Structure formats: C-alpha cells, structure tokens
Amino acid sequence: MTFTMNQLAAVALNTTVSRCLKALNDSLSTTSPAAEVPADCVSLFDNVTSADGNITDLTSLGNSSFPGYVEGGSSLTFLLPMWQQVTFIMCFSLIVFAGILGNAIVIWIVLAHQRMRTVTNYFLVNLSVADLTTAMFNVIFNAVFMMHSHWPFGALYCRITNFISLLTVTSSVFTIKAMSIDRCIAIYNPLSHRLSRRCALIIVALIWLVSCVIALPGYAFAQTRSYEDRIVCSLSWPELGGVNPSQVDFIYNVVFMIATYFVPMVTIAIAYSIMGHVLWRSKGIGEQTERQKEAIRSKQRVVRMLVVVVMIFGVCWLPYHLYFIYTYLDPDVTYTTWAQPLYLVIYWLAMSNCMYNPFIYYWMNSRFRGYFRYVLCYCCNLGSGLGHKCSEVDRLQSDWTFNNNSPHRRTLKSTAGTECLVLTTPPNNRNATGSQQKHPHSHKNGSWQVHSDSSTVTYVL
C-alpha cells in the first residue's frame, strides 16, 4: 500500500524524535543552565524538514542510548531487537510458504479437472492468483524494508513491489465482489440466465485491467532515495493543481481505501444478506422434493464458505485501514517506540490473508478436500516410492441418479466429496433403475466394495 511505504520511511526515526522532543521539553521547563538540547537532536531538527513522511539526510547524528539504535558511519538506523527480527522473519516466511503452496494447489485443482471448472471456482482461481502473486513478490521484500528501513532490492523492484501491492489488493476485493454478486443473482432469481464460464473469464480479465489502472501510480511515482547508509523506497508524488505532494498522497489513499474496502464490503454485506434471507428464511411454495432440498443445502454450503472468505478478508485488512486513519488524525502516535512493531503486526495480519483461503476450501468444500488429500498423500509418499498408492478413491467422482424413492437407498459423501450410493440390499437385488457416469479414475473400474456397519451392509460405488 502506498501510504504505508511512505510512513515506514519515517518509522526509523520514531524513537530518536521521541527522545529529542523529551529533551527539548526538559530544557524549556528547567532553569538549570546545564539542561541543554543534545547536539544530535539539534542536527535532527535541522535535517528532518519534510512533512510528507519522507526521511531527509541524517549525517550528523551522534551516539544514542535507546535500545535498537546502532551507529553506522555518521548516520544511524533503527533496528528491532534480534528476537523480534527472528520472530517476524519466521511469521512472514510462514505466509510465503503456505500462500504459495496452498494457492498453487487450488489453481491446479480447478484448471486440471474438468468437473471443477465452474463459474464460482474460476473466481476462486483468480483470487488464488492474486494471493499467490502477493506471497511470491511482495511479502518478504516489504518485510525486510520495514524491519531495517533499508531497501536493498533496487529502484526497478521498488516500482514493481508498489505496483503489485496495489494490483493484488484491488484484484482480490473486486473478485470477491463479483463472486458475491453472481451468487446473489443466481440464488435470488434462479430462473435468470446464469453467468457462463466464458463471461466469467471476461469479467476476470476486466478485473485485472481495472486493477492495473488503479495501481499504475504505484509504479509511476515510486522511487528510491539514497542516504549515507541506507536506501529508502517510497512514493514521490508530484504537485498537482496547487495541491502539495503529501495531500495528493493522502487523497489517493483515502479514495483507494473507500473504493477497495468500504464500498465493496458494504456491497458484499448486502448481497449475502439477500442470499441468507432466500436460503434460510424464505419458505418454498408447496412440498419440496429431496432433490430440491439437497440443492438448497448445496447452495447453503457454498454461501457459508464464501461468507467465511469475505469475513477473513475484512478482518485481516480492517486494522490496516484503521491504522492509516488514526495516524493521520494523530501523527504523534508514529513517534513512539512501539510504532514499528505495531505496524509490522498489522501488516503481517493484512498479508496473511493470502494464505487462509486454501484452508477454508479444504475445511468447507468436500471436493476441494478430496483433491487436497490426494496431493498431500502423493507428496508424502513420493519419497518412499508409494506415490501411486495415493488413492484414486480420493479422486473418485461418480454420479448416480435414480427414478424411484426407495427407502433402502441413501446418498452419502465420499472422502473426496463425491456422491456415494449406500444400499441395505446387495446391488444384484436392487430394483432401482438409473444412469451411471463413471470418472475415468474411478476405483477398481467402478466395482462394488462391501463394508459392514452394524446390521447394515453398505455397497459403495
């Protein structure tokens, strides 16, 4: 986010400024001639002249006594204690590992399996692409800069990381919004024309196009500034229409925050309120068949999963936006010793959103769960040469429909979330007539397996 990159450029001096302000206050409130402002503080006030969050040259600072400040040449850089650095590096590394692995598996599940290529899943893939991009190209680089107030990755990547941070956030929230509206229309008016997969792909392309336009200032105005012992990456806004750069930065970020958080969250909340009313509170006309009830339950499961995705997104990003508002209203809060670790925690929470969605899909969607189990099983057994043992049962996808309502028949879910037929009589005695569609990977060529459960003999296809 652009405003945070500029704010972080000033975090390196927060503790020093706090100490110097205290020294200045003491010198004004005492009559002792020995109470003087330290020389390094005089240099600090002479050199820090920018009001837009940028650090000016600090070449005259002397020794300092507060924890975390180390001298490098004639200039100083604020560093977190080592235990905090190690903790934050481990936490951000967890985001990178889980975000890349989980989202890559989600993308493979949908794109490699025809059955999973639904409109909703296309939106989920787009969300995973945005999260994967964040985990790969953004998280660690910004974390290093935030902890050391030094950008060692070059001027070009300074532009790229600012652009990507805006691009992925915008794409994610617009994807969630589009997915919510599509689900709302499908549930509120089930007889309306459904969104085709081709239209879904066009919407995805438009989302990325609009996101690129919104994120373009992050690339156009990002630049590095070199100081004696560090390099700072931040946005350098031009003066537009008589408005100074700091005000331009603030206006852009307020508009960005409203357009990519508050307005979408309100729209999404309205959409899911409508869906909840239709699926849980409204009563259908006449008696519903079992198939109709199952269709409603299936829609409810999808809506529950998407609600959790939205809630996690909102919770992760809300502190990030509130921090921006609060520090604008009370800039003094940035001149505290806890400002840097607090911001790192808030930033970690926002970035961690890119690793949660695969866990949500595994937890709340049986089909995704089956494919995840297949991948994890295959990877765990690959080294021992047992990768081929990893269950085609987990990939089993068979459908069975019947023309009667036999009380001896039930439909259950397999470990892969597929529908399995459960009978209380052997298959050669069944009277049901139906049609079968076998997946090419069905276990044992679709043969019946017998399991004993109390007095019931179960035959699972």
Protein backbone atom coordinates (compact mmCIF):
# COMPACT_ATOMS: atom_id res chain seq x y z
CA MET A 1 0.00 0.00 0.00
CA THR A 2 1.36 3.41 -0.91
CA PHE A 3 0.67 5.34 2.26
CA THR A 4 2.36 2.71 4.38
CA MET A 5 5.54 2.76 2.32
CA ASN A 6 5.83 6.50 2.98
CA GLN A 7 5.01 6.10 6.65
CA LEU A 8 7.58 3.36 7.05
CA ALA A 9 10.25 5.66 5.69
CA ALA A 10 9.77 7.73 8.85
CA VAL A 11 9.46 4.86 11.32
CA ALA A 12 13.24 4.52 11.50
CA LEU A 13 13.40 7.85 13.34
CA ASN A 14 10.43 7.48 15.66
CA THR A 15 12.38 6.66 18.79
CA THR A 16 15.01 9.33 18.17
CA VAL A 17 12.41 12.04 17.66
CA SER A 18 10.58 10.99 20.82
CA ARG A 19 13.79 11.20 22.84
CA CYS A 20 14.73 14.56 21.38
CA LEU A 21 11.30 16.07 21.97
CA LYS A 22 11.54 14.98 25.58
CA ALA A 23 14.97 16.58 25.88
CA LEU A 24 13.68 19.79 24.32
CA ASN A 25 10.73 19.88 26.69
CA ASP A 26 13.04 19.34 29.67
CA SER A 27 15.30 22.17 28.55
CA LEU A 28 12.35 24.56 28.29
CA SER A 29 10.89 23.60 31.66
CA THR A 30 14.06 23.88 33.75
CA THR A 31 16.13 26.82 34.86
CA SER A 32 19.33 24.84 35.11
CA PRO A 33 21.98 26.10 32.67
CA ALA A 34 23.18 22.52 32.27
CA ALA A 35 19.91 21.47 30.69
CA GLU A 36 20.74 21.72 27.03
CA VAL A 37 19.36 20.02 23.95
CA PRO A 38 21.80 17.29 22.81
CA ALA A 39 23.80 18.13 19.71
CA ASP A 40 22.44 15.15 17.81
CA CYS A 41 18.91 16.40 18.41
CA VAL A 42 19.82 19.82 17.05
CA SER A 43 21.11 18.11 13.90
CA LEU A 44 17.99 16.01 13.74
CA PHE A 45 15.67 19.02 13.83
CA ASP A 46 17.82 20.79 11.27
CA ASN A 47 17.75 17.87 8.85
CA VAL A 48 14.25 16.45 9.19
CA THR A 49 12.36 19.04 7.19
CA SER A 50 9.91 17.01 5.15
CA ALA A 51 6.27 16.85 6.23
CA ASP A 52 5.17 14.17 3.79
CA GLY A 53 6.66 11.16 5.57
CA ASN A 54 9.99 11.12 3.72
CA ILE A 55 13.31 10.85 5.57
CA THR A 56 15.84 13.57 4.85
CA ASP A 57 19.57 13.14 5.21
CA LEU A 58 20.80 12.42 8.72
CA THR A 59 24.54 12.83 8.57
CA SER A 60 25.27 14.49 11.88
CA LEU A 61 23.66 12.23 14.45
CA GLY A 62 25.89 11.24 17.31
CA ASN A 63 25.64 8.30 19.70
CA SER A 64 22.25 7.35 21.06
CA SER A 65 21.40 5.34 24.11
CA PHE A 66 18.00 3.82 23.39
CA PRO A 67 17.70 0.08 22.57
CA GLY A 68 17.76 -0.87 18.93
CA TYR A 69 19.79 2.05 17.66
CA VAL A 70 23.15 1.22 16.14
CA GLU A 71 25.70 3.54 14.69
CA GLY A 72 26.74 3.13 11.09
CA GLY A 73 29.35 5.63 9.97
CA SER A 74 27.98 9.02 10.84
CA SER A 75 24.34 8.03 10.47
CA LEU A 76 22.04 5.83 12.50
CA THR A 77 19.40 3.28 11.59
CA PHE A 78 16.74 1.98 13.93
CA LEU A 79 16.73 -1.81 14.25
CA LEU A 80 14.36 -4.09 16.10
CA PRO A 81 15.83 -6.32 18.81
CA MET A 82 17.15 -9.56 17.37
CA TRP A 83 14.41 -11.73 18.91
CA GLN A 84 11.76 -9.55 17.27
CA GLN A 85 13.53 -9.71 13.92
CA VAL A 86 13.71 -13.52 14.07
CA THR A 87 10.06 -13.75 15.11
CA PHE A 88 8.84 -11.52 12.30
CA ILE A 89 11.00 -13.27 9.70
CA MET A 90 9.54 -16.63 10.74
CA CYS A 91 5.98 -15.28 10.64
CA PHE A 92 6.40 -13.70 7.20
CA SER A 93 8.13 -16.84 5.91
CA LEU A 94 5.09 -18.84 7.02
CA ILE A 95 2.90 -16.60 4.85
CA VAL A 96 5.17 -17.13 1.85
CA PHE A 97 5.33 -20.92 2.25
CA ALA A 98 1.63 -21.51 2.97
CA GLY A 99 0.47 -18.89 0.47
CA ILE A 100 2.48 -20.27 -2.44
CA LEU A 101 1.79 -23.94 -1.73
CA GLY A 102 -1.91 -23.65 -0.90
CA ASN A 103 -2.86 -21.31 -3.73
CA ALA A 104 -0.84 -23.28 -6.28
CA ILE A 105 -2.77 -26.42 -5.32
CA VAL A 106 -6.10 -24.59 -5.64
CA ILE A 107 -5.18 -23.39 -9.13
CA TRP A 108 -4.14 -26.92 -10.14
CA ILE A 109 -7.32 -28.48 -8.75
CA VAL A 110 -9.60 -26.24 -10.80
CA LEU A 111 -7.64 -26.00 -14.04
CA ALA A 112 -6.61 -29.67 -14.22
CA HIS A 113 -10.07 -31.14 -13.59
CA GLN A 114 -12.99 -30.50 -15.90
CA ARG A 115 -15.56 -31.11 -13.18
CA MET A 116 -14.14 -28.30 -11.06
CA ARG A 117 -14.32 -25.66 -13.79
CA THR A 118 -17.38 -23.82 -12.56
CA VAL A 119 -18.03 -20.09 -12.60
CA THR A 120 -17.54 -19.79 -8.85
CA ASN A 121 -14.32 -21.79 -8.99
CA TYR A 122 -12.97 -19.55 -11.76
CA PHE A 123 -13.38 -16.62 -9.40
CA LEU A 124 -11.66 -18.63 -6.67
CA VAL A 125 -8.76 -19.31 -9.04
CA ASN A 126 -8.46 -15.60 -9.77
CA LEU A 127 -8.39 -14.94 -6.04
CA SER A 128 -5.67 -17.56 -5.66
CA VAL A 129 -3.62 -15.98 -8.47
CA ALA A 130 -3.73 -12.62 -6.67
CA ASP A 131 -2.79 -14.24 -3.34
CA LEU A 132 -0.01 -16.27 -4.95
CA THR A 133 1.42 -13.12 -6.54
CA THR A 134 1.37 -11.35 -3.18
CA ALA A 135 3.12 -14.22 -1.43
CA MET A 136 5.81 -14.55 -4.10
CA PHE A 137 6.65 -10.96 -4.98
CA ASN A 138 5.59 -8.75 -2.10
CA VAL A 139 5.62 -10.12 1.42
CA ILE A 140 9.27 -10.83 2.24
CA PHE A 141 10.65 -7.82 0.36
CA ASN A 142 8.43 -5.33 2.17
CA ALA A 143 9.01 -7.08 5.50
CA VAL A 144 12.78 -6.66 5.13
CA PHE A 145 12.35 -2.98 4.32
CA MET A 146 10.02 -2.44 7.28
CA MET A 147 12.35 -4.08 9.76
CA HIS A 148 15.55 -2.32 8.62
CA SER A 149 14.31 0.86 6.90
CA HIS A 150 16.64 -0.09 4.07
CA TRP A 151 15.68 -1.13 0.54
CA PRO A 152 18.42 -3.34 -0.97
CA PHE A 153 16.42 -4.63 -3.94
CA GLY A 154 16.99 -1.84 -6.47
CA ALA A 155 14.99 1.00 -7.99
CA LEU A 156 13.14 -1.16 -10.53
CA TYR A 157 11.83 -3.58 -7.94
CA CYS A 158 10.81 -0.62 -5.78
CA ARG A 159 8.43 0.33 -8.58
CA ILE A 160 7.33 -3.28 -9.10
CA THR A 161 6.54 -4.01 -5.46
CA ASN A 162 4.48 -0.83 -5.06
CA PHE A 163 2.57 -1.69 -8.22
CA ILE A 164 1.99 -5.32 -7.18
CA SER A 165 0.80 -4.40 -3.69
CA LEU A 166 -1.92 -2.17 -5.12
CA LEU A 167 -2.71 -4.52 -8.00
CA THR A 168 -3.27 -7.66 -5.94
CA VAL A 169 -5.37 -6.00 -3.24
CA THR A 170 -7.61 -4.39 -5.85
CA SER A 171 -7.94 -7.61 -7.84
CA SER A 172 -8.77 -9.63 -4.73
CA VAL A 173 -11.53 -7.38 -3.46
CA PHE A 174 -13.08 -6.91 -6.91
CA THR A 175 -13.03 -10.68 -7.43
CA ILE A 176 -14.80 -11.27 -4.12
CA LYS A 177 -17.33 -8.60 -5.03
CA ALA A 178 -18.01 -10.12 -8.47
CA MET A 179 -18.33 -13.60 -6.99
CA SER A 180 -20.79 -12.37 -4.36
CA ILE A 181 -22.97 -10.56 -6.88
CA ASP A 182 -23.01 -13.62 -9.17
CA ARG A 183 -24.07 -15.90 -6.31
CA CYS A 184 -26.71 -13.40 -5.20
CA ILE A 185 -28.29 -13.21 -8.65
CA ALA A 186 -28.24 -17.00 -9.05
CA ILE A 187 -29.94 -17.56 -5.69
CA TYR A 188 -32.37 -14.63 -5.69
CA ASN A 189 -33.54 -15.28 -9.25
CA PRO A 190 -32.72 -18.91 -10.12
CA LEU A 191 -34.64 -18.69 -13.40
CA SER A 192 -32.46 -15.90 -14.74
CA HIS A 193 -29.76 -16.55 -17.30
CA ARG A 194 -26.73 -17.93 -15.48
CA LEU A 195 -23.30 -16.47 -15.97
CA SER A 196 -21.35 -18.63 -18.40
CA ARG A 197 -17.75 -19.64 -17.90
CA ARG A 198 -16.75 -17.50 -20.87
CA CYS A 199 -18.41 -14.45 -19.33
CA ALA A 200 -16.70 -15.23 -16.04
CA LEU A 201 -13.31 -15.21 -17.78
CA ILE A 202 -14.16 -11.88 -19.43
CA ILE A 203 -15.06 -10.43 -16.01
CA VAL A 204 -11.78 -11.73 -14.60
CA ALA A 205 -9.86 -10.03 -17.43
CA LEU A 206 -11.71 -6.76 -16.79
CA ILE A 207 -10.92 -7.00 -13.08
CA TRP A 208 -7.20 -7.21 -13.82
CA LEU A 209 -7.42 -4.37 -16.35
CA VAL A 210 -9.17 -2.03 -13.90
CA SER A 211 -6.78 -3.09 -11.14
CA CYS A 212 -3.79 -2.23 -13.33
CA VAL A 213 -5.17 1.26 -13.96
CA ILE A 214 -5.78 1.85 -10.24
CA ALA A 215 -2.32 0.52 -9.33
CA LEU A 216 -0.48 2.47 -12.04
CA PRO A 217 0.53 5.36 -9.73
CA GLY A 218 2.36 2.83 -7.58
CA TYR A 219 4.69 2.16 -10.49
CA ALA A 220 4.82 5.67 -11.93
CA PHE A 221 5.73 7.56 -8.76
CA ALA A 222 7.72 5.00 -6.76
CA GLN A 223 11.41 5.75 -6.43
CA THR A 224 14.39 5.08 -4.22
CA ARG A 225 16.28 7.71 -2.27
CA SER A 226 19.85 7.10 -1.18
CA TYR A 227 21.22 8.22 2.15
CA GLU A 228 24.59 7.65 3.75
CA ASP A 229 23.99 4.10 4.93
CA ARG A 230 20.59 3.14 3.58
CA ILE A 231 18.19 3.36 0.66
CA VAL A 232 14.52 4.20 1.10
CA CYS A 233 11.73 3.09 -1.26
CA SER A 234 8.65 5.30 -1.24
CA LEU A 235 6.22 7.16 -3.46
CA SER A 236 7.20 10.64 -4.55
CA TRP A 237 4.01 12.36 -5.62
CA PRO A 238 4.14 15.44 -7.85
CA GLU A 239 2.35 18.66 -7.03
CA LEU A 240 -1.00 18.57 -8.79
CA GLY A 241 -3.18 21.64 -9.26
CA GLY A 242 -1.57 23.51 -6.41
CA VAL A 243 -2.01 20.57 -4.02
CA ASN A 244 1.22 19.65 -2.26
CA PRO A 245 2.56 16.07 -2.58
CA SER A 246 1.61 15.00 0.94
CA GLN A 247 -2.02 15.99 0.33
CA VAL A 248 -2.02 14.21 -3.04
CA ASP A 249 -0.76 11.08 -1.31
CA PHE A 250 -3.45 11.35 1.35
CA ILE A 251 -6.26 11.94 -1.16
CA TYR A 252 -5.19 8.98 -3.30
CA ASN A 253 -5.07 6.64 -0.34
CA VAL A 254 -8.44 7.75 1.01
CA VAL A 255 -10.04 7.19 -2.39
CA PHE A 256 -8.24 3.85 -2.70
CA MET A 257 -9.39 2.75 0.75
CA ILE A 258 -13.01 3.67 0.06
CA ALA A 259 -13.03 2.09 -3.41
CA THR A 260 -11.27 -1.15 -2.46
CA TYR A 261 -12.54 -1.77 1.06
CA PHE A 262 -15.51 0.10 2.47
CA VAL A 263 -17.72 0.26 -0.65
CA PRO A 264 -17.06 -3.38 -1.66
CA MET A 265 -17.62 -4.63 1.90
CA VAL A 266 -20.98 -2.82 2.11
CA THR A 267 -22.00 -4.22 -1.30
CA ILE A 268 -20.94 -7.73 -0.31
CA ALA A 269 -22.77 -7.49 3.02
CA ILE A 270 -25.99 -6.53 1.22
CA ALA A 271 -25.56 -9.39 -1.28
CA TYR A 272 -25.09 -12.02 1.42
CA SER A 273 -27.98 -10.63 3.45
CA ILE A 274 -30.23 -11.21 0.45
CA MET A 275 -28.83 -14.70 -0.08
CA GLY A 276 -29.30 -15.56 3.58
CA HIS A 277 -32.91 -14.43 3.51
CA VAL A 278 -33.65 -16.51 0.42
CA LEU A 279 -31.87 -19.69 1.54
CA TRP A 280 -32.61 -19.78 5.26
CA ARG A 281 -35.70 -17.71 5.99
CA SER A 282 -37.97 -17.93 2.99
CA LYS A 283 -40.35 -20.87 2.62
CA GLY A 284 -40.83 -22.57 -0.70
CA ILE A 285 -44.24 -22.94 -2.28
CA GLY A 286 -45.62 -26.45 -1.89
CA GLU A 287 -43.79 -29.54 -0.77
CA GLN A 288 -40.14 -29.80 -1.73
CA THR A 289 -38.62 -32.97 -3.10
CA GLU A 290 -35.44 -34.43 -1.68
CA ARG A 291 -33.55 -33.24 -4.73
CA GLN A 292 -34.77 -29.67 -4.21
CA LYS A 293 -33.82 -29.80 -0.54
CA GLU A 294 -30.37 -31.11 -1.41
CA ALA A 295 -29.93 -28.33 -3.99
CA ILE A 296 -30.76 -25.75 -1.32
CA ARG A 297 -28.36 -27.35 1.15
CA SER A 298 -25.64 -27.35 -1.51
CA LYS A 299 -26.15 -23.63 -2.13
CA GLN A 300 -26.08 -23.00 1.61
CA ARG A 301 -22.74 -24.76 1.90
CA VAL A 302 -21.26 -22.65 -0.89
CA VAL A 303 -22.61 -19.44 0.64
CA ARG A 304 -21.21 -20.35 4.06
CA MET A 305 -17.78 -20.90 2.55
CA LEU A 306 -17.84 -17.60 0.66
CA VAL A 307 -19.04 -15.74 3.77
CA VAL A 308 -16.03 -17.07 5.68
CA VAL A 309 -13.73 -15.94 2.84
CA VAL A 310 -15.22 -12.44 2.96
CA MET A 311 -15.09 -12.24 6.76
CA ILE A 312 -11.44 -13.30 6.85
CA PHE A 313 -10.60 -10.69 4.21
CA GLY A 314 -12.43 -7.97 6.13
CA VAL A 315 -10.85 -8.84 9.47
CA CYS A 316 -7.34 -9.02 8.01
CA TRP A 317 -7.47 -5.67 6.26
CA LEU A 318 -9.57 -3.60 8.69
CA PRO A 319 -6.72 -2.84 11.17
CA TYR A 320 -4.54 -1.82 8.23
CA HIS A 321 -7.00 0.84 7.10
CA LEU A 322 -7.83 1.96 10.64
CA TYR A 323 -4.12 2.47 11.31
CA PHE A 324 -3.89 4.82 8.35
CA ILE A 325 -6.90 6.85 9.55
CA TYR A 326 -5.68 7.00 13.14
CA THR A 327 -2.12 8.06 12.29
CA TYR A 328 -3.45 10.82 10.06
CA LEU A 329 -5.67 12.15 12.85
CA ASP A 330 -2.93 11.73 15.47
CA PRO A 331 0.52 11.83 13.81
CA ASP A 332 2.26 11.82 17.19
CA VAL A 333 1.48 8.13 17.57
CA THR A 334 4.13 7.37 14.95
CA TYR A 335 6.77 8.91 17.21
CA THR A 336 6.52 6.16 19.80
CA THR A 337 8.84 3.24 20.46
CA TRP A 338 6.10 0.73 19.70
CA ALA A 339 5.02 2.19 16.35
CA GLN A 340 7.31 0.00 14.25
CA PRO A 341 6.48 -3.40 15.85
CA LEU A 342 2.78 -2.47 15.93
CA TYR A 343 2.78 -1.67 12.25
CA LEU A 344 4.64 -4.89 11.45
CA VAL A 345 1.96 -6.87 13.29
CA ILE A 346 -0.80 -5.04 11.39
CA TYR A 347 0.99 -5.53 8.08
CA TRP A 348 1.52 -9.23 8.84
CA LEU A 349 -2.20 -9.64 9.54
CA ALA A 350 -3.09 -7.98 6.22
CA MET A 351 -0.61 -10.06 4.23
CA SER A 352 -1.64 -13.27 5.98
CA ASN A 353 -4.95 -13.08 4.16
CA CYS A 354 -3.21 -14.60 1.13
CA MET A 355 -2.67 -17.93 2.92
CA TYR A 356 -6.06 -18.57 4.57
CA ASN A 357 -8.34 -19.28 1.62
CA PRO A 358 -6.93 -22.74 0.70
CA PHE A 359 -7.52 -23.85 4.30
CA ILE A 360 -11.10 -22.55 4.09
CA TYR A 361 -11.73 -24.51 0.89
CA TYR A 362 -10.30 -27.67 2.47
CA TRP A 363 -12.42 -27.21 5.57
CA MET A 364 -15.73 -26.28 3.96
CA ASN A 365 -15.73 -27.84 0.48
CA SER A 366 -15.65 -31.61 0.23
CA ARG A 367 -14.49 -31.70 -3.39
CA PHE A 368 -11.53 -29.44 -2.70
CA ARG A 369 -10.82 -31.52 0.39
CA GLY A 370 -10.59 -34.71 -1.65
CA TYR A 371 -8.13 -33.23 -4.11
CA PHE A 372 -6.05 -31.67 -1.34
CA ARG A 373 -5.82 -35.07 0.33
CA TYR A 374 -4.73 -36.64 -2.92
CA VAL A 375 -1.95 -34.06 -3.41
CA LEU A 376 -0.74 -34.28 0.19
CA CYS A 377 -0.84 -38.07 0.15
CA TYR A 378 1.08 -38.21 -3.12
CA CYS A 379 3.74 -35.78 -1.92
CA CYS A 380 4.16 -37.54 1.43
CA ASN A 381 4.62 -40.95 -0.22
CA LEU A 382 6.64 -39.83 -3.23
CA GLY A 383 9.98 -40.26 -1.49
CA SER A 384 9.15 -43.81 -0.44
CA GLY A 385 8.01 -44.79 -3.92
CA LEU A 386 4.40 -45.14 -2.82
CA GLY A 387 3.05 -42.16 -4.70
CA HIS A 388 0.98 -44.44 -6.91
CA LYS A 389 -0.80 -45.78 -3.81
CA CYS A 390 -2.41 -42.48 -3.15
CA SER A 391 -5.86 -43.18 -3.57
CA GLU A 392 -7.71 -42.99 -6.66
CA VAL A 393 -10.58 -43.27 -4.18
CA ASP A 394 -9.84 -39.68 -3.16
CA ARG A 395 -10.20 -38.70 -6.81
CA LEU A 396 -13.33 -40.77 -7.37
CA GLN A 397 -16.06 -38.74 -8.98
CA SER A 398 -19.14 -40.82 -9.76
CA ASP A 399 -22.73 -39.71 -10.18
CA TRP A 400 -25.78 -41.92 -9.69
CA THR A 401 -29.35 -40.88 -10.28
CA PHE A 402 -32.46 -42.98 -9.75
CA ASN A 403 -36.04 -42.87 -10.92
CA ASN A 404 -37.58 -44.10 -7.66
CA ASN A 405 -37.50 -43.13 -4.00
CA SER A 406 -36.50 -46.44 -2.44
CA PRO A 407 -36.20 -46.27 1.37
CA HIS A 408 -33.25 -48.68 1.08
CA ARG A 409 -31.14 -46.15 -0.73
CA ARG A 410 -29.17 -43.22 0.62
CA THR A 411 -26.70 -40.80 -0.88
CA LEU A 412 -23.57 -40.08 1.12
CA LYS A 413 -20.40 -38.13 0.52
CA SER A 414 -17.08 -39.85 -0.06
CA THR A 415 -13.80 -38.52 1.28
CA ALA A 416 -13.46 -36.63 -1.97
CA GLY A 417 -16.89 -35.11 -1.57
CA THR A 418 -18.38 -37.24 -4.31
CA GLU A 419 -21.78 -38.84 -4.02
CA CYS A 420 -21.68 -42.49 -3.00
CA LEU A 421 -24.61 -44.87 -3.15
CA VAL A 422 -25.40 -46.72 0.07
CA LEU A 423 -27.79 -49.69 -0.07
CA THR A 424 -29.18 -52.06 2.52
CA THR A 425 -29.53 -54.78 -0.12
CA PRO A 426 -26.89 -56.21 -2.44
CA PRO A 427 -26.60 -54.47 -5.80
CA ASN A 428 -27.81 -57.51 -7.72
CA ASN A 429 -31.11 -57.30 -5.77
CA ARG A 430 -31.72 -53.62 -6.25
CA ASN A 431 -34.82 -52.62 -8.15
CA ALA A 432 -33.75 -49.09 -8.83
CA THR A 433 -33.11 -48.03 -12.35
CA GLY A 434 -30.75 -45.26 -13.09
CA SER A 435 -27.91 -43.92 -15.11
CA GLN A 436 -24.26 -44.01 -14.14
CA GLN A 437 -21.43 -41.72 -15.19
CA LYS A 438 -18.04 -43.08 -14.22
CA HIS A 439 -14.99 -40.95 -13.85
CA PRO A 440 -12.03 -42.42 -15.76
CA HIS A 441 -10.17 -42.61 -12.45
CA SER A 442 -12.93 -44.45 -10.56
CA HIS A 443 -11.56 -47.00 -8.10
CA LYS A 444 -11.33 -50.59 -9.35
CA ASN A 445 -13.17 -49.73 -12.54
CA GLY A 446 -16.34 -48.87 -10.65
CA SER A 447 -16.63 -52.22 -8.85
CA TRP A 448 -18.60 -52.56 -5.64
CA GLN A 449 -16.86 -52.76 -2.29
CA VAL A 450 -18.57 -54.30 0.74
CA HIS A 451 -18.30 -52.74 4.19
CA SER A 452 -20.00 -53.92 7.35
CA ASP A 453 -21.58 -51.34 9.64
CA SER A 454 -23.72 -52.85 12.44
CA SER A 455 -26.57 -54.69 10.75
CA THR A 456 -26.33 -52.73 7.54
CA VAL A 457 -24.38 -53.96 4.55
CA THR A 458 -23.14 -50.97 2.60
CA TYR A 459 -22.18 -51.06 -1.04
CA VAL A 460 -20.18 -48.05 -2.16
CA LEU A 461 -19.56 -47.27 -5.79
